[in-house]
Amino acid sequence: MKAKRNHRLPRAAGFSLIEMLAVIVLIGIVAGIVVQQVGKNVDKGKYGSGKAQVQALAGKIEGYALDNGSPPARLEDLVSKPGNASNWQGPYAKESDLKDPFGRPFQYKSPGEHGDFDIVFLGKDGQAGGDGVNQDYGNWQ
């Protein structure tokens, strides 16, 4: 007599649809948290860069003032010679130096309220006032 054989196919190893969906959802949550944290750090980095740019731009303005006797009337005078600068030795800055890391022009006033000139970086929001990465920063600080 012959033994009865079980002709079932072995079950394929793998993940069920529910298991795969759970993993995809978890990956999405983790990715969202990581992107949010990286975005915050990018803004902090840009804010720090803007503060450094203010000080570098102040040095370029002082170089212009040494050559011409007074700070420029406007920041663009650092890039191209104005008509009233007889001893202009520039360019003192590149066009890109006149914009903050968020792509907006620095605020400039000559004569300034805090010295011969004021340069103000308005932060991420581009508005006066604010906290954190939206806080204003001036060359006198």
C-alpha atoms as a PDB file:
ATOM      1  CA  MET A   1       0.000   0.000   0.000  1.00  0.00           C
ATOM      2  CA  LYS A   2       1.166   3.461  -0.922  1.00  0.00           C
ATOM      3  CA  ALA A   3       1.433   6.252   1.574  1.00  0.00           C
ATOM      4  CA  LYS A   4      -0.728   9.246   0.935  1.00  0.00           C
ATOM      5  CA  ARG A   5       1.330  12.263   0.024  1.00  0.00           C
ATOM      6  CA  ASN A   6       0.442  15.829   0.830  1.00  0.00           C
ATOM      7  CA  HIS A   7       0.660  17.793  -2.419  1.00  0.00           C
ATOM      8  CA  ARG A   8       0.333  21.257  -0.924  1.00  0.00           C
ATOM      9  CA  LEU A   9       2.711  23.874  -2.219  1.00  0.00           C
ATOM     10  CA  PRO A  10       4.892  25.452   0.441  1.00  0.00           C
ATOM     11  CA  ARG A  11       3.761  28.934   1.462  1.00  0.00           C
ATOM     12  CA  ALA A  12       5.899  31.644  -0.099  1.00  0.00           C
ATOM     13  CA  ALA A  13       7.888  33.648   2.433  1.00  0.00           C
ATOM     14  CA  GLY A  14       7.288  37.425   2.413  1.00  0.00           C
ATOM     15  CA  PHE A  15       5.390  40.302   3.941  1.00  0.00           C
ATOM     16  CA  SER A  16       1.682  40.863   3.932  1.00  0.00           C
ATOM     17  CA  LEU A  17       0.175  44.024   2.533  1.00  0.00           C
ATOM     18  CA  ILE A  18      -0.641  45.276   6.038  1.00  0.00           C
ATOM     19  CA  GLU A  19       2.951  44.812   7.191  1.00  0.00           C
ATOM     20  CA  MET A  20       4.265  46.691   4.165  1.00  0.00           C
ATOM     21  CA  LEU A  21       1.827  49.571   4.684  1.00  0.00           C
ATOM     22  CA  ALA A  22       2.837  49.841   8.340  1.00  0.00           C
ATOM     23  CA  VAL A  23       6.520  50.078   7.383  1.00  0.00           C
ATOM     24  CA  ILE A  24       5.788  52.712   4.711  1.00  0.00           C
ATOM     25  CA  VAL A  25       3.813  54.820   7.208  1.00  0.00           C
ATOM     26  CA  LEU A  26       6.639  54.602   9.774  1.00  0.00           C
ATOM     27  CA  ILE A  27       9.232  55.589   7.167  1.00  0.00           C
ATOM     28  CA  GLY A  28       7.053  58.570   6.205  1.00  0.00           C
ATOM     29  CA  ILE A  29       6.771  59.734   9.811  1.00  0.00           C
ATOM     30  CA  VAL A  30      10.520  59.470  10.408  1.00  0.00           C
ATOM     31  CA  ALA A  31      11.281  61.256   7.109  1.00  0.00           C
ATOM     32  CA  GLY A  32       8.899  64.093   8.021  1.00  0.00           C
ATOM     33  CA  ILE A  33      10.604  64.614  11.378  1.00  0.00           C
ATOM     34  CA  VAL A  34      14.069  64.592   9.796  1.00  0.00           C
ATOM     35  CA  VAL A  35      13.085  67.089   7.072  1.00  0.00           C
ATOM     36  CA  GLN A  36      11.575  69.433   9.660  1.00  0.00           C
ATOM     37  CA  GLN A  37      14.727  69.370  11.819  1.00  0.00           C
ATOM     38  CA  VAL A  38      17.025  69.884   8.832  1.00  0.00           C
ATOM     39  CA  GLY A  39      14.890  72.835   7.700  1.00  0.00           C
ATOM     40  CA  LYS A  40      15.259  74.496  11.098  1.00  0.00           C
ATOM     41  CA  ASN A  41      19.024  74.040  11.017  1.00  0.00           C
ATOM     42  CA  VAL A  42      19.249  75.489   7.501  1.00  0.00           C
ATOM     43  CA  ASP A  43      17.419  78.626   8.682  1.00  0.00           C
ATOM     44  CA  LYS A  44      19.764  78.939  11.679  1.00  0.00           C
ATOM     45  CA  GLY A  45      22.745  78.592   9.374  1.00  0.00           C
ATOM     46  CA  LYS A  46      21.432  81.238   6.993  1.00  0.00           C
ATOM     47  CA  TYR A  47      20.756  83.585   9.914  1.00  0.00           C
ATOM     48  CA  GLY A  48      24.339  83.170  11.170  1.00  0.00           C
ATOM     49  CA  SER A  49      25.623  83.726   7.651  1.00  0.00           C
ATOM     50  CA  GLY A  50      23.566  86.936   7.378  1.00  0.00           C
ATOM     51  CA  LYS A  51      25.114  88.281  10.577  1.00  0.00           C
ATOM     52  CA  ALA A  52      28.602  87.524   9.255  1.00  0.00           C
ATOM     53  CA  GLN A  53      27.752  89.193   5.933  1.00  0.00           C
ATOM     54  CA  VAL A  54      26.730  92.384   7.783  1.00  0.00           C
ATOM     55  CA  GLN A  55      30.159  92.593   9.405  1.00  0.00           C
ATOM     56  CA  ALA A  56      31.973  91.826   6.129  1.00  0.00           C
ATOM     57  CA  LEU A  57      29.913  94.447   4.304  1.00  0.00           C
ATOM     58  CA  ALA A  58      30.700  96.975   7.061  1.00  0.00           C
ATOM     59  CA  GLY A  59      34.410  96.360   6.415  1.00  0.00           C
ATOM     60  CA  LYS A  60      33.927  96.985   2.700  1.00  0.00           C
ATOM     61  CA  ILE A  61      32.073 100.218   3.433  1.00  0.00           C
ATOM     62  CA  GLU A  62      34.895 101.334   5.723  1.00  0.00           C
ATOM     63  CA  GLY A  63      37.386 100.619   2.918  1.00  0.00           C
ATOM     64  CA  TYR A  64      35.304 102.781   0.583  1.00  0.00           C
ATOM     65  CA  ALA A  65      35.169 105.535   3.232  1.00  0.00           C
ATOM     66  CA  LEU A  66      38.958 105.471   3.667  1.00  0.00           C
ATOM     67  CA  ASP A  67      39.450 105.960  -0.072  1.00  0.00           C
ATOM     68  CA  ASN A  68      36.698 108.543  -0.607  1.00  0.00           C
ATOM     69  CA  GLY A  69      36.382 110.395   2.706  1.00  0.00           C
ATOM     70  CA  SER A  70      32.871 109.180   3.634  1.00  0.00           C
ATOM     71  CA  PRO A  71      30.689 106.082   3.374  1.00  0.00           C
ATOM     72  CA  PRO A  72      28.806 105.567   0.116  1.00  0.00           C
ATOM     73  CA  ALA A  73      25.371 107.124  -0.290  1.00  0.00           C
ATOM     74  CA  ARG A  74      24.003 103.711  -1.298  1.00  0.00           C
ATOM     75  CA  LEU A  75      25.329 100.156  -1.242  1.00  0.00           C
ATOM     76  CA  GLU A  76      25.419  99.914  -5.042  1.00  0.00           C
ATOM     77  CA  ASP A  77      28.271 102.462  -4.967  1.00  0.00           C
ATOM     78  CA  LEU A  78      30.496  99.652  -3.672  1.00  0.00           C
ATOM     79  CA  VAL A  79      29.987  97.781  -6.947  1.00  0.00           C
ATOM     80  CA  SER A  80      30.121 100.560  -9.528  1.00  0.00           C
ATOM     81  CA  LYS A  81      31.765 103.979  -9.317  1.00  0.00           C
ATOM     82  CA  PRO A  82      29.432 106.828  -8.407  1.00  0.00           C
ATOM     83  CA  GLY A  83      29.958 110.230 -10.003  1.00  0.00           C
ATOM     84  CA  ASN A  84      31.061 111.932  -6.787  1.00  0.00           C
ATOM     85  CA  ALA A  85      33.813 109.450  -5.773  1.00  0.00           C
ATOM     86  CA  SER A  86      37.015 110.876  -7.224  1.00  0.00           C
ATOM     87  CA  ASN A  87      39.319 108.388  -5.478  1.00  0.00           C
ATOM     88  CA  TRP A  88      37.198 105.257  -6.027  1.00  0.00           C
ATOM     89  CA  GLN A  89      39.467 102.171  -5.946  1.00  0.00           C
ATOM     90  CA  GLY A  90      36.741  99.562  -6.357  1.00  0.00           C
ATOM     91  CA  PRO A  91      34.867  97.511  -6.884  1.00  0.00           C
ATOM     92  CA  TYR A  92      34.725  97.024  -3.130  1.00  0.00           C
ATOM     93  CA  ALA A  93      32.012  94.361  -3.279  1.00  0.00           C
ATOM     94  CA  LYS A  94      30.226  92.048  -5.681  1.00  0.00           C
ATOM     95  CA  GLU A  95      26.542  92.459  -6.488  1.00  0.00           C
ATOM     96  CA  SER A  96      25.813  89.248  -4.563  1.00  0.00           C
ATOM     97  CA  ASP A  97      27.383  90.742  -1.395  1.00  0.00           C
ATOM     98  CA  LEU A  98      24.547  93.274  -1.239  1.00  0.00           C
ATOM     99  CA  LYS A  99      21.867  90.616  -0.635  1.00  0.00           C
ATOM    100  CA  ASP A 100      21.230  88.622   2.509  1.00  0.00           C
ATOM    101  CA  PRO A 101      21.174  84.784   2.524  1.00  0.00           C
ATOM    102  CA  PHE A 102      17.390  84.869   2.003  1.00  0.00           C
ATOM    103  CA  GLY A 103      17.826  86.885  -1.234  1.00  0.00           C
ATOM    104  CA  ARG A 104      16.723  90.313   0.013  1.00  0.00           C
ATOM    105  CA  PRO A 105      18.858  93.466  -0.020  1.00  0.00           C
ATOM    106  CA  PHE A 106      20.375  94.630   3.249  1.00  0.00           C
ATOM    107  CA  GLN A 107      18.913  97.809   4.693  1.00  0.00           C
ATOM    108  CA  TYR A 108      21.438 100.668   4.519  1.00  0.00           C
ATOM    109  CA  LYS A 109      21.432 104.216   5.815  1.00  0.00           C
ATOM    110  CA  SER A 110      24.196 106.828   5.643  1.00  0.00           C
ATOM    111  CA  PRO A 111      24.580 108.729   7.864  1.00  0.00           C
ATOM    112  CA  GLY A 112      23.269 106.161  10.289  1.00  0.00           C
ATOM    113  CA  GLU A 113      21.526 106.447  13.616  1.00  0.00           C
ATOM    114  CA  HIS A 114      24.261 104.411  15.329  1.00  0.00           C
ATOM    115  CA  GLY A 115      27.344 105.735  13.537  1.00  0.00           C
ATOM    116  CA  ASP A 116      28.514 106.902  10.130  1.00  0.00           C
ATOM    117  CA  PHE A 117      26.371 104.209   8.512  1.00  0.00           C
ATOM    118  CA  ASP A 118      23.888 101.511   9.501  1.00  0.00           C
ATOM    119  CA  ILE A 119      23.481  98.121   7.841  1.00  0.00           C
ATOM    120  CA  VAL A 120      20.525  96.021   8.971  1.00  0.00           C
ATOM    121  CA  PHE A 121      19.806  92.359   8.265  1.00  0.00           C
ATOM    122  CA  LEU A 122      16.068  91.797   8.788  1.00  0.00           C
ATOM    123  CA  GLY A 123      16.280  88.042   9.322  1.00  0.00           C
ATOM    124  CA  LYS A 124      14.313  85.281   7.635  1.00  0.00           C
ATOM    125  CA  ASP A 125      10.955  87.083   7.547  1.00  0.00           C
ATOM    126  CA  GLY A 126      12.352  90.314   6.033  1.00  0.00           C
ATOM    127  CA  GLN A 127      10.288  92.383   8.488  1.00  0.00           C
ATOM    128  CA  ALA A 128      11.480  94.728  11.243  1.00  0.00           C
ATOM    129  CA  GLY A 129      11.506  93.105  14.683  1.00  0.00           C
ATOM    130  CA  GLY A 130      11.035  89.433  15.423  1.00  0.00           C
ATOM    131  CA  ASP A 131      12.578  86.636  17.453  1.00  0.00           C
ATOM    132  CA  GLY A 132      14.989  83.829  16.684  1.00  0.00           C
ATOM    133  CA  VAL A 133      15.866  83.631  12.981  1.00  0.00           C
ATOM    134  CA  ASN A 134      13.448  86.508  12.288  1.00  0.00           C
ATOM    135  CA  GLN A 135      15.333  88.912  14.584  1.00  0.00           C
ATOM    136  CA  ASP A 136      17.006  92.001  13.124  1.00  0.00           C
ATOM    137  CA  TYR A 137      20.773  92.396  13.293  1.00  0.00           C
ATOM    138  CA  GLY A 138      22.729  95.609  12.733  1.00  0.00           C
ATOM    139  CA  ASN A 139      26.418  96.353  12.222  1.00  0.00           C
ATOM    140  CA  TRP A 140      26.566  98.236  15.558  1.00  0.00           C
ATOM    141  CA  GLN A 141      25.599  95.140  17.590  1.00  0.00           C
END
